[in-house]
Amino acid sequence: MPSPVAGRISIDGRQVGEGQEWKIEDVAPGAEHTLRVEADGYLAYEEKVTLEAGATLPVPVLLKPAS
């Protein structure tokens, strides 16, 4: 089983956090945003997400080791 990795999290190119869990604020609700997670030694993960005001959106991410 893979070990948890603390990643750098960005929304629309703006870093919003670092770690395994984070809360994203100050983004337009109801619009599509680009979520990106990066960590040293791993391939970056990117996904389009739509965030709703006041909602919780779990996004499980499994970073793959860089070859």
Protein backbone atom coordinates (compact mmCIF):
# COMPACT_ATOMS: atom_id res chain seq x y z
CA MET A 1 0.00 0.00 0.00
CA PRO A 2 1.44 3.45 -0.94
CA SER A 3 2.52 5.79 1.83
CA PRO A 4 0.82 9.20 2.10
CA VAL A 5 2.70 12.02 0.38
CA ALA A 6 2.42 15.69 1.28
CA GLY A 7 1.83 17.60 -1.96
CA ARG A 8 1.74 21.21 -3.09
CA ILE A 9 -1.81 22.09 -4.10
CA SER A 10 -2.76 24.78 -6.59
CA ILE A 11 -6.02 26.01 -8.10
CA ASP A 12 -5.87 27.76 -11.46
CA GLY A 13 -2.10 28.11 -11.11
CA ARG A 14 -2.24 29.72 -7.64
CA GLN A 15 -0.76 27.71 -4.75
CA VAL A 16 -3.41 27.29 -2.06
CA GLY A 17 -1.91 24.76 0.31
CA GLU A 18 0.51 22.02 1.10
CA GLY A 19 -0.04 18.69 2.82
CA GLN A 20 -2.47 15.81 2.58
CA GLU A 21 -5.70 17.72 3.28
CA TRP A 22 -6.58 21.32 2.56
CA LYS A 23 -9.39 23.83 2.42
CA ILE A 24 -9.72 25.97 -0.69
CA GLU A 25 -11.18 29.44 -0.36
CA ASP A 26 -11.44 32.54 -2.53
CA VAL A 27 -12.49 30.85 -5.78
CA ALA A 28 -15.58 31.50 -7.87
CA PRO A 29 -18.29 28.96 -6.95
CA GLY A 30 -20.05 27.10 -9.74
CA ALA A 31 -17.19 27.63 -12.20
CA GLU A 32 -14.72 25.05 -13.47
CA HIS A 33 -11.23 25.26 -11.91
CA THR A 34 -8.00 23.36 -12.49
CA LEU A 35 -6.76 21.48 -9.41
CA ARG A 36 -3.07 20.48 -9.50
CA VAL A 37 -1.11 18.46 -6.92
CA GLU A 38 2.68 18.16 -7.09
CA ALA A 39 5.33 16.52 -4.91
CA ASP A 40 9.06 16.05 -5.38
CA GLY A 41 9.81 12.69 -7.02
CA TYR A 42 6.22 12.18 -8.27
CA LEU A 43 4.30 12.92 -11.45
CA ALA A 44 1.94 15.88 -11.12
CA TYR A 45 -1.81 15.21 -10.88
CA GLU A 46 -4.28 17.57 -12.54
CA GLU A 47 -8.07 17.52 -12.64
CA LYS A 48 -10.89 19.92 -13.55
CA VAL A 49 -13.25 20.49 -10.62
CA THR A 50 -16.35 22.59 -10.00
CA LEU A 51 -16.60 23.94 -6.47
CA GLU A 52 -19.88 24.95 -4.89
CA ALA A 53 -20.09 27.64 -2.19
CA GLY A 54 -19.78 26.13 1.29
CA ALA A 55 -19.58 22.56 -0.03
CA THR A 56 -16.99 19.89 0.71
CA LEU A 57 -15.52 18.13 -2.32
CA PRO A 58 -13.30 15.16 -1.48
CA VAL A 59 -10.78 14.55 -4.26
CA PRO A 60 -8.73 11.42 -3.63
CA VAL A 61 -5.34 11.73 -5.34
CA LEU A 62 -2.78 8.99 -5.82
CA LEU A 63 0.52 10.43 -7.03
CA LYS A 64 2.60 8.08 -9.16
CA PRO A 65 6.37 7.96 -8.65
CA ALA A 66 8.36 9.60 -11.46
CA SER A 67 10.36 7.10 -13.47
